[in-house]
Structures are given as C-alpha cells and as structure tokens.
Amino acid sequence: LKGKQLNGLTFTRQKSVGPYIIELYCASKKVAIEIDGVTH
C-alpha cells in the first residue's frame, strides 16, 4: 500500500482517531483497513 501503489492512494499506518487506532487509513477516501486475527 505504501508509496501510492494501490490506485494512487496514500495510506498511513496506526492512525489515531478519537479513542481508537486504525491499522491502515486512507484519508482521501476515508477508508480504514483492519486486519482481523485471533485477538479479534
């Protein structure tokens, strides 16, 4: 995802939003990507 490899979009890692932290976030599209593992 880094370096605008996906559809030319910029993503950030570990973005704090209110009381939460989003694993991967695209601000221009307002999309959060969460990777769900065993802890979930």
All heavy atoms as atom14 arrays in JSON, in Angstrom:
{
  "sequence": "LKGKQLNGLTFTRQKSVGPYIIELYCASKKVAIEIDGVTH",
  "atom14_mask": [
    [1, 1, 1, 1, 1, 1, 1, 1, 0, 0, 0, 0, 0, 0],
    [1, 1, 1, 1, 1, 1, 1, 1, 1, 0, 0, 0, 0, 0],
    [1, 1, 1, 1, 0, 0, 0, 0, 0, 0, 0, 0, 0, 0],
    [1, 1, 1, 1, 1, 1, 1, 1, 1, 0, 0, 0, 0, 0],
    [1, 1, 1, 1, 1, 1, 1, 1, 1, 0, 0, 0, 0, 0],
    [1, 1, 1, 1, 1, 1, 1, 1, 0, 0, 0, 0, 0, 0],
    [1, 1, 1, 1, 1, 1, 1, 1, 0, 0, 0, 0, 0, 0],
    [1, 1, 1, 1, 0, 0, 0, 0, 0, 0, 0, 0, 0, 0],
    [1, 1, 1, 1, 1, 1, 1, 1, 0, 0, 0, 0, 0, 0],
    [1, 1, 1, 1, 1, 1, 1, 0, 0, 0, 0, 0, 0, 0],
    [1, 1, 1, 1, 1, 1, 1, 1, 1, 1, 1, 0, 0, 0],
    [1, 1, 1, 1, 1, 1, 1, 0, 0, 0, 0, 0, 0, 0],
    [1, 1, 1, 1, 1, 1, 1, 1, 1, 1, 1, 0, 0, 0],
    [1, 1, 1, 1, 1, 1, 1, 1, 1, 0, 0, 0, 0, 0],
    [1, 1, 1, 1, 1, 1, 1, 1, 1, 0, 0, 0, 0, 0],
    [1, 1, 1, 1, 1, 1, 0, 0, 0, 0, 0, 0, 0, 0],
    [1, 1, 1, 1, 1, 1, 1, 0, 0, 0, 0, 0, 0, 0],
    [1, 1, 1, 1, 0, 0, 0, 0, 0, 0, 0, 0, 0, 0],
    [1, 1, 1, 1, 1, 1, 1, 0, 0, 0, 0, 0, 0, 0],
    [1, 1, 1, 1, 1, 1, 1, 1, 1, 1, 1, 1, 0, 0],
    [1, 1, 1, 1, 1, 1, 1, 1, 0, 0, 0, 0, 0, 0],
    [1, 1, 1, 1, 1, 1, 1, 1, 0, 0, 0, 0, 0, 0],
    [1, 1, 1, 1, 1, 1, 1, 1, 1, 0, 0, 0, 0, 0],
    [1, 1, 1, 1, 1, 1, 1, 1, 0, 0, 0, 0, 0, 0],
    [1, 1, 1, 1, 1, 1, 1, 1, 1, 1, 1, 1, 0, 0],
    [1, 1, 1, 1, 1, 1, 0, 0, 0, 0, 0, 0, 0, 0],
    [1, 1, 1, 1, 1, 0, 0, 0, 0, 0, 0, 0, 0, 0],
    [1, 1, 1, 1, 1, 1, 0, 0, 0, 0, 0, 0, 0, 0],
    [1, 1, 1, 1, 1, 1, 1, 1, 1, 0, 0, 0, 0, 0],
    [1, 1, 1, 1, 1, 1, 1, 1, 1, 0, 0, 0, 0, 0],
    [1, 1, 1, 1, 1, 1, 1, 0, 0, 0, 0, 0, 0, 0],
    [1, 1, 1, 1, 1, 0, 0, 0, 0, 0, 0, 0, 0, 0],
    [1, 1, 1, 1, 1, 1, 1, 1, 0, 0, 0, 0, 0, 0],
    [1, 1, 1, 1, 1, 1, 1, 1, 1, 0, 0, 0, 0, 0],
    [1, 1, 1, 1, 1, 1, 1, 1, 0, 0, 0, 0, 0, 0],
    [1, 1, 1, 1, 1, 1, 1, 1, 0, 0, 0, 0, 0, 0],
    [1, 1, 1, 1, 0, 0, 0, 0, 0, 0, 0, 0, 0, 0],
    [1, 1, 1, 1, 1, 1, 1, 0, 0, 0, 0, 0, 0, 0],
    [1, 1, 1, 1, 1, 1, 1, 0, 0, 0, 0, 0, 0, 0],
    [1, 1, 1, 1, 1, 1, 1, 1, 1, 1, 0, 0, 0, 0]
  ],
  "atom14_positions": [
    [[0.79, -1.23, 0.0], [0.0, 0.0, 0.0], [0.83, 1.28, 0.0], [0.4, 2.3, -0.53], [-0.93, 0.03, 1.22], [-1.99, -1.05, 1.29], [-2.74, -0.96, 2.61], [-2.95, -0.94, 0.12], [0.0, 0.0, 0.0], [0.0, 0.0, 0.0], [0.0, 0.0, 0.0], [0.0, 0.0, 0.0], [0.0, 0.0, 0.0], [0.0, 0.0, 0.0]],
    [[2.01, 1.21, 0.59], [2.81, 2.44, 0.73], [3.25, 2.96, -0.64], [3.31, 2.2, -1.61], [4.01, 2.2, 1.64], [5.08, 1.32, 1.06], [6.23, 1.15, 2.05], [7.33, 0.31, 1.43], [8.46, 0.17, 2.33], [0.0, 0.0, 0.0], [0.0, 0.0, 0.0], [0.0, 0.0, 0.0], [0.0, 0.0, 0.0], [0.0, 0.0, 0.0]],
    [[3.56, 4.24, -0.67], [4.03, 4.84, -1.91], [3.0, 4.9, -3.02], [3.34, 4.84, -4.19], [0.0, 0.0, 0.0], [0.0, 0.0, 0.0], [0.0, 0.0, 0.0], [0.0, 0.0, 0.0], [0.0, 0.0, 0.0], [0.0, 0.0, 0.0], [0.0, 0.0, 0.0], [0.0, 0.0, 0.0], [0.0, 0.0, 0.0], [0.0, 0.0, 0.0]],
    [[1.74, 4.99, -2.64], [0.63, 5.15, -3.6], [0.54, 4.0, -4.61], [0.16, 4.18, -5.75], [0.74, 6.48, -4.34], [0.68, 7.69, -3.43], [0.72, 8.97, -4.22], [0.63, 10.16, -3.28], [0.53, 11.41, -4.0], [0.0, 0.0, 0.0], [0.0, 0.0, 0.0], [0.0, 0.0, 0.0], [0.0, 0.0, 0.0], [0.0, 0.0, 0.0]],
    [[0.89, 2.78, -4.17], [0.87, 1.63, -5.08], [-0.53, 1.13, -5.39], [-0.73, 0.46, -6.4], [1.68, 0.48, -4.47], [3.16, 0.78, -4.33], [3.88, -0.4, -3.72], [4.21, -1.35, -4.43], [4.1, -0.35, -2.42], [0.0, 0.0, 0.0], [0.0, 0.0, 0.0], [0.0, 0.0, 0.0], [0.0, 0.0, 0.0], [0.0, 0.0, 0.0]],
    [[-1.49, 1.43, -4.52], [-2.86, 0.97, -4.75], [-3.71, 2.14, -5.25], [-3.99, 3.09, -4.49], [-3.48, 0.39, -3.48], [-4.92, -0.09, -3.62], [-4.98, -1.37, -4.44], [-5.56, -0.3, -2.28], [0.0, 0.0, 0.0], [0.0, 0.0, 0.0], [0.0, 0.0, 0.0], [0.0, 0.0, 0.0], [0.0, 0.0, 0.0], [0.0, 0.0, 0.0]],
    [[-4.06, 2.12, -6.5], [-4.93, 3.13, -7.11], [-4.44, 4.56, -6.89], [-5.23, 5.5, -6.89], [-6.37, 2.99, -6.59], [-6.98, 1.65, -6.93], [-6.49, 0.91, -7.78], [-8.07, 1.31, -6.27], [0.0, 0.0, 0.0], [0.0, 0.0, 0.0], [0.0, 0.0, 0.0], [0.0, 0.0, 0.0], [0.0, 0.0, 0.0], [0.0, 0.0, 0.0]],
    [[-3.13, 4.73, -6.67], [-2.57, 6.07, -6.47], [-2.94, 6.7, -5.14], [-2.78, 7.91, -4.96], [0.0, 0.0, 0.0], [0.0, 0.0, 0.0], [0.0, 0.0, 0.0], [0.0, 0.0, 0.0], [0.0, 0.0, 0.0], [0.0, 0.0, 0.0], [0.0, 0.0, 0.0], [0.0, 0.0, 0.0], [0.0, 0.0, 0.0], [0.0, 0.0, 0.0]],
    [[-3.42, 5.91, -4.19], [-3.9, 6.42, -2.91], [-2.81, 6.4, -1.85], [-1.97, 5.51, -1.81], [-5.09, 5.58, -2.42], [-6.31, 5.57, -3.34], [-7.31, 4.53, -2.88], [-6.95, 6.95, -3.4], [0.0, 0.0, 0.0], [0.0, 0.0, 0.0], [0.0, 0.0, 0.0], [0.0, 0.0, 0.0], [0.0, 0.0, 0.0], [0.0, 0.0, 0.0]],
    [[-2.85, 7.38, -0.96], [-1.92, 7.47, 0.15], [-2.54, 6.84, 1.39], [-3.68, 7.17, 1.76], [-1.57, 8.94, 0.46], [-0.96, 9.51, -0.7], [-0.63, 9.06, 1.64], [0.0, 0.0, 0.0], [0.0, 0.0, 0.0], [0.0, 0.0, 0.0], [0.0, 0.0, 0.0], [0.0, 0.0, 0.0], [0.0, 0.0, 0.0], [0.0, 0.0, 0.0]],
    [[-1.8, 5.94, 2.01], [-2.22, 5.3, 3.25], [-1.25, 5.65, 4.36], [-0.07, 5.92, 4.1], [-2.24, 3.76, 3.09], [-3.39, 3.26, 2.27], [-3.31, 3.23, 0.88], [-4.55, 2.81, 2.88], [-4.36, 2.77, 0.12], [-5.61, 2.35, 2.12], [-5.52, 2.32, 0.74], [0.0, 0.0, 0.0], [0.0, 0.0, 0.0], [0.0, 0.0, 0.0]],
    [[-1.77, 5.66, 5.59], [-0.92, 5.81, 6.76], [-1.16, 4.6, 7.66], [-2.2, 3.94, 7.57], [-1.24, 7.09, 7.55], [-2.63, 7.1, 7.89], [-0.93, 8.33, 6.74], [0.0, 0.0, 0.0], [0.0, 0.0, 0.0], [0.0, 0.0, 0.0], [0.0, 0.0, 0.0], [0.0, 0.0, 0.0], [0.0, 0.0, 0.0], [0.0, 0.0, 0.0]],
    [[-0.16, 4.33, 8.51], [-0.27, 3.21, 9.46], [-0.53, 3.75, 10.85], [-0.01, 4.79, 11.23], [1.04, 2.41, 9.48], [1.26, 1.58, 8.27], [2.57, 0.83, 8.3], [2.66, -0.07, 9.44], [3.8, -0.41, 10.03], [4.94, 0.07, 9.62], [3.8, -1.23, 11.05], [0.0, 0.0, 0.0], [0.0, 0.0, 0.0], [0.0, 0.0, 0.0]],
    [[-1.31, 2.99, 11.61], [-1.56, 3.29, 13.02], [-2.01, 4.73, 13.22], [-1.38, 5.52, 13.89], [-0.32, 2.97, 13.86], [0.16, 1.54, 13.74], [-0.89, 0.5, 14.13], [-1.84, 0.78, 14.84], [-0.73, -0.7, 13.63], [0.0, 0.0, 0.0], [0.0, 0.0, 0.0], [0.0, 0.0, 0.0], [0.0, 0.0, 0.0], [0.0, 0.0, 0.0]],
    [[-3.13, 5.08, 12.63], [-3.72, 6.42, 12.71], [-4.65, 6.48, 13.9], [-5.57, 5.67, 14.03], [-4.48, 6.68, 11.41], [-5.42, 7.84, 11.43], [-4.72, 9.1, 11.11], [-5.73, 10.24, 10.97], [-5.17, 11.49, 11.4], [0.0, 0.0, 0.0], [0.0, 0.0, 0.0], [0.0, 0.0, 0.0], [0.0, 0.0, 0.0], [0.0, 0.0, 0.0]],
    [[-4.4, 7.44, 14.78], [-5.32, 7.6, 15.92], [-6.54, 8.4, 15.46], [-6.42, 9.41, 14.79], [-4.63, 8.28, 17.1], [-4.56, 9.66, 16.92], [0.0, 0.0, 0.0], [0.0, 0.0, 0.0], [0.0, 0.0, 0.0], [0.0, 0.0, 0.0], [0.0, 0.0, 0.0], [0.0, 0.0, 0.0], [0.0, 0.0, 0.0], [0.0, 0.0, 0.0]],
    [[-7.7, 7.88, 15.82], [-8.98, 8.53, 15.53], [-9.8, 8.45, 16.79], [-10.23, 7.36, 17.2], [-9.72, 7.85, 14.35], [-11.07, 8.52, 14.12], [-8.89, 7.88, 13.08], [0.0, 0.0, 0.0], [0.0, 0.0, 0.0], [0.0, 0.0, 0.0], [0.0, 0.0, 0.0], [0.0, 0.0, 0.0], [0.0, 0.0, 0.0], [0.0, 0.0, 0.0]],
    [[-10.0, 9.59, 17.43], [-10.71, 9.59, 18.71], [-10.0, 8.67, 19.68], [-8.77, 8.7, 19.8], [0.0, 0.0, 0.0], [0.0, 0.0, 0.0], [0.0, 0.0, 0.0], [0.0, 0.0, 0.0], [0.0, 0.0, 0.0], [0.0, 0.0, 0.0], [0.0, 0.0, 0.0], [0.0, 0.0, 0.0], [0.0, 0.0, 0.0], [0.0, 0.0, 0.0]],
    [[-10.73, 7.78, 20.33], [-10.11, 6.88, 21.3], [-9.52, 5.59, 20.7], [-9.12, 4.7, 21.43], [-11.27, 6.54, 22.24], [-12.47, 6.59, 21.35], [-12.19, 7.7, 20.35], [0.0, 0.0, 0.0], [0.0, 0.0, 0.0], [0.0, 0.0, 0.0], [0.0, 0.0, 0.0], [0.0, 0.0, 0.0], [0.0, 0.0, 0.0], [0.0, 0.0, 0.0]],
    [[-9.47, 5.51, 19.37], [-9.05, 4.28, 18.7], [-7.83, 4.5, 17.82], [-7.51, 5.63, 17.44], [-10.2, 3.73, 17.84], [-11.44, 3.48, 18.64], [-12.54, 4.33, 18.55], [-11.53, 2.4, 19.5], [-13.68, 4.11, 19.3], [-12.67, 2.17, 20.25], [-13.74, 3.03, 20.16], [-14.87, 2.81, 20.9], [0.0, 0.0, 0.0], [0.0, 0.0, 0.0]],
    [[-7.19, 3.4, 17.46], [-6.09, 3.42, 16.5], [-6.48, 2.51, 15.35], [-6.83, 1.35, 15.54], [-4.77, 2.96, 17.13], [-4.35, 3.94, 18.24], [-3.67, 2.86, 16.07], [-3.1, 3.55, 18.98], [0.0, 0.0, 0.0], [0.0, 0.0, 0.0], [0.0, 0.0, 0.0], [0.0, 0.0, 0.0], [0.0, 0.0, 0.0], [0.0, 0.0, 0.0]],
    [[-6.43, 3.08, 14.13], [-6.75, 2.34, 12.91], [-5.44, 1.8, 12.34], [-4.46, 2.53, 12.23], [-7.42, 3.27, 11.88], [-8.74, 3.82, 12.43], [-7.64, 2.53, 10.57], [-9.35, 4.89, 11.55], [0.0, 0.0, 0.0], [0.0, 0.0, 0.0], [0.0, 0.0, 0.0], [0.0, 0.0, 0.0], [0.0, 0.0, 0.0], [0.0, 0.0, 0.0]],
    [[-5.42, 0.54, 11.96], [-4.19, -0.07, 11.44], [-3.71, 0.6, 10.17], [-2.55, 0.98, 10.06], [-4.4, -1.57, 11.22], [-4.53, -2.3, 12.54], [-4.96, -3.75, 12.42], [-5.52, -4.14, 11.38], [-4.72, -4.49, 13.38], [0.0, 0.0, 0.0], [0.0, 0.0, 0.0], [0.0, 0.0, 0.0], [0.0, 0.0, 0.0], [0.0, 0.0, 0.0]],
    [[-4.57, 0.72, 9.17], [-4.22, 1.36, 7.91], [-5.36, 2.29, 7.52], [-6.53, 1.92, 7.59], [-4.0, 0.3, 6.82], [-2.85, -0.67, 7.11], [-3.02, -1.96, 6.34], [-1.52, -0.02, 6.79], [0.0, 0.0, 0.0], [0.0, 0.0, 0.0], [0.0, 0.0, 0.0], [0.0, 0.0, 0.0], [0.0, 0.0, 0.0], [0.0, 0.0, 0.0]],
    [[-5.0, 3.51, 7.08], [-6.03, 4.51, 6.81], [-5.71, 5.3, 5.55], [-4.57, 5.73, 5.34], [-6.16, 5.46, 8.0], [-7.25, 6.49, 7.82], [-8.59, 6.1, 7.8], [-6.95, 7.83, 7.66], [-9.59, 7.03, 7.61], [-7.96, 8.77, 7.49], [-9.27, 8.37, 7.46], [-10.27, 9.28, 7.27], [0.0, 0.0, 0.0], [0.0, 0.0, 0.0]],
    [[-6.72, 5.51, 4.73], [-6.64, 6.35, 3.54], [-7.53, 7.57, 3.78], [-8.76, 7.45, 3.74], [-7.09, 5.58, 2.3], [-7.09, 6.59, 0.81], [0.0, 0.0, 0.0], [0.0, 0.0, 0.0], [0.0, 0.0, 0.0], [0.0, 0.0, 0.0], [0.0, 0.0, 0.0], [0.0, 0.0, 0.0], [0.0, 0.0, 0.0], [0.0, 0.0, 0.0]],
    [[-6.91, 8.72, 4.03], [-7.67, 9.93, 4.38], [-8.51, 10.44, 3.21], [-9.65, 10.88, 3.42], [-6.71, 11.03, 4.85], [0.0, 0.0, 0.0], [0.0, 0.0, 0.0], [0.0, 0.0, 0.0], [0.0, 0.0, 0.0], [0.0, 0.0, 0.0], [0.0, 0.0, 0.0], [0.0, 0.0, 0.0], [0.0, 0.0, 0.0], [0.0, 0.0, 0.0]],
    [[-7.98, 10.39, 1.99], [-8.72, 10.95, 0.85], [-10.02, 10.2, 0.57], [-10.97, 10.78, 0.06], [-7.84, 10.98, -0.4], [-7.53, 9.67, -0.82], [0.0, 0.0, 0.0], [0.0, 0.0, 0.0], [0.0, 0.0, 0.0], [0.0, 0.0, 0.0], [0.0, 0.0, 0.0], [0.0, 0.0, 0.0], [0.0, 0.0, 0.0], [0.0, 0.0, 0.0]],
    [[-10.06, 8.94, 0.93], [-11.27, 8.13, 0.72], [-12.01, 7.84, 2.03], [-13.08, 7.22, 2.0], [-10.91, 6.78, 0.05], [-10.33, 6.93, -1.33], [-11.38, 7.37, -2.31], [-10.84, 7.34, -3.73], [-11.87, 7.67, -4.71], [0.0, 0.0, 0.0], [0.0, 0.0, 0.0], [0.0, 0.0, 0.0], [0.0, 0.0, 0.0], [0.0, 0.0, 0.0]],
    [[-11.42, 8.25, 3.15], [-11.98, 7.97, 4.48], [-12.26, 6.47, 4.63], [-13.37, 6.04, 4.94], [-13.23, 8.8, 4.75], [-12.92, 10.27, 4.97], [-14.11, 11.07, 5.4], [-14.29, 10.97, 6.89], [-15.25, 11.95, 7.43], [0.0, 0.0, 0.0], [0.0, 0.0, 0.0], [0.0, 0.0, 0.0], [0.0, 0.0, 0.0], [0.0, 0.0, 0.0]],
    [[-11.2, 5.69, 4.39], [-11.29, 4.23, 4.47], [-10.28, 3.71, 5.48], [-9.09, 4.06, 5.42], [-11.03, 3.57, 3.1], [-10.91, 2.06, 3.23], [-12.15, 3.92, 2.13], [0.0, 0.0, 0.0], [0.0, 0.0, 0.0], [0.0, 0.0, 0.0], [0.0, 0.0, 0.0], [0.0, 0.0, 0.0], [0.0, 0.0, 0.0], [0.0, 0.0, 0.0]],
    [[-10.76, 2.9, 6.4], [-9.91, 2.21, 7.37], [-9.82, 0.75, 6.96], [-10.83, 0.14, 6.59], [-10.5, 2.32, 8.77], [0.0, 0.0, 0.0], [0.0, 0.0, 0.0], [0.0, 0.0, 0.0], [0.0, 0.0, 0.0], [0.0, 0.0, 0.0], [0.0, 0.0, 0.0], [0.0, 0.0, 0.0], [0.0, 0.0, 0.0], [0.0, 0.0, 0.0]],
    [[-8.62, 0.21, 7.02], [-8.42, -1.21, 6.77], [-7.97, -1.84, 8.08], [-6.98, -1.42, 8.68], [-7.38, -1.47, 5.67], [-7.86, -0.86, 4.35], [-7.13, -2.98, 5.52], [-6.85, -0.97, 3.22], [0.0, 0.0, 0.0], [0.0, 0.0, 0.0], [0.0, 0.0, 0.0], [0.0, 0.0, 0.0], [0.0, 0.0, 0.0], [0.0, 0.0, 0.0]],
    [[-8.73, -2.82, 8.53], [-8.42, -3.53, 9.76], [-8.11, -4.98, 9.43], [-8.85, -5.63, 8.68], [-9.61, -3.47, 10.72], [-9.86, -2.09, 11.31], [-8.74, -1.62, 12.22], [-8.25, -2.44, 13.04], [-8.36, -0.45, 12.13], [0.0, 0.0, 0.0], [0.0, 0.0, 0.0], [0.0, 0.0, 0.0], [0.0, 0.0, 0.0], [0.0, 0.0, 0.0]],
    [[-7.02, -5.47, 9.97], [-6.62, -6.86, 9.78], [-7.07, -7.62, 11.01], [-6.6, -7.36, 12.11], [-5.1, -6.98, 9.57], [-4.68, -6.14, 8.35], [-4.71, -8.45, 9.39], [-3.19, -5.98, 8.2], [0.0, 0.0, 0.0], [0.0, 0.0, 0.0], [0.0, 0.0, 0.0], [0.0, 0.0, 0.0], [0.0, 0.0, 0.0], [0.0, 0.0, 0.0]],
    [[-8.01, -8.53, 10.81], [-8.6, -9.28, 11.91], [-7.9, -10.62, 12.1], [-7.94, -11.48, 11.22], [-10.09, -9.51, 11.67], [-10.87, -8.21, 11.61], [-10.41, -7.21, 12.17], [-11.95, -8.21, 10.99], [0.0, 0.0, 0.0], [0.0, 0.0, 0.0], [0.0, 0.0, 0.0], [0.0, 0.0, 0.0], [0.0, 0.0, 0.0], [0.0, 0.0, 0.0]],
    [[-7.27, -10.76, 13.25], [-6.6, -12.01, 13.6], [-7.26, -12.66, 14.79], [-8.38, -12.31, 15.17], [0.0, 0.0, 0.0], [0.0, 0.0, 0.0], [0.0, 0.0, 0.0], [0.0, 0.0, 0.0], [0.0, 0.0, 0.0], [0.0, 0.0, 0.0], [0.0, 0.0, 0.0], [0.0, 0.0, 0.0], [0.0, 0.0, 0.0], [0.0, 0.0, 0.0]],
    [[-6.56, -13.57, 15.4], [-7.07, -14.33, 16.54], [-7.48, -13.42, 17.69], [-8.49, -13.66, 18.35], [-6.03, -15.37, 17.01], [-6.51, -16.1, 18.25], [-5.74, -16.35, 15.9], [0.0, 0.0, 0.0], [0.0, 0.0, 0.0], [0.0, 0.0, 0.0], [0.0, 0.0, 0.0], [0.0, 0.0, 0.0], [0.0, 0.0, 0.0], [0.0, 0.0, 0.0]],
    [[-6.74, -12.35, 17.94], [-7.07, -11.47, 19.07], [-8.44, -10.83, 18.92], [-9.08, -10.51, 19.92], [-6.02, -10.35, 19.24], [-5.98, -9.57, 18.05], [-4.66, -10.92, 19.55], [0.0, 0.0, 0.0], [0.0, 0.0, 0.0], [0.0, 0.0, 0.0], [0.0, 0.0, 0.0], [0.0, 0.0, 0.0], [0.0, 0.0, 0.0], [0.0, 0.0, 0.0]],
    [[-8.93, -10.69, 17.69], [-10.25, -10.09, 17.48], [-11.38, -11.03, 17.91], [-12.5, -10.58, 18.14], [-10.42, -9.67, 16.02], [-9.59, -8.49, 15.67], [-10.06, -7.2, 15.72], [-8.3, -8.39, 15.29], [-9.11, -6.37, 15.38], [-8.01, -7.07, 15.11], [0.0, 0.0, 0.0], [0.0, 0.0, 0.0], [0.0, 0.0, 0.0], [0.0, 0.0, 0.0]]
  ]
}
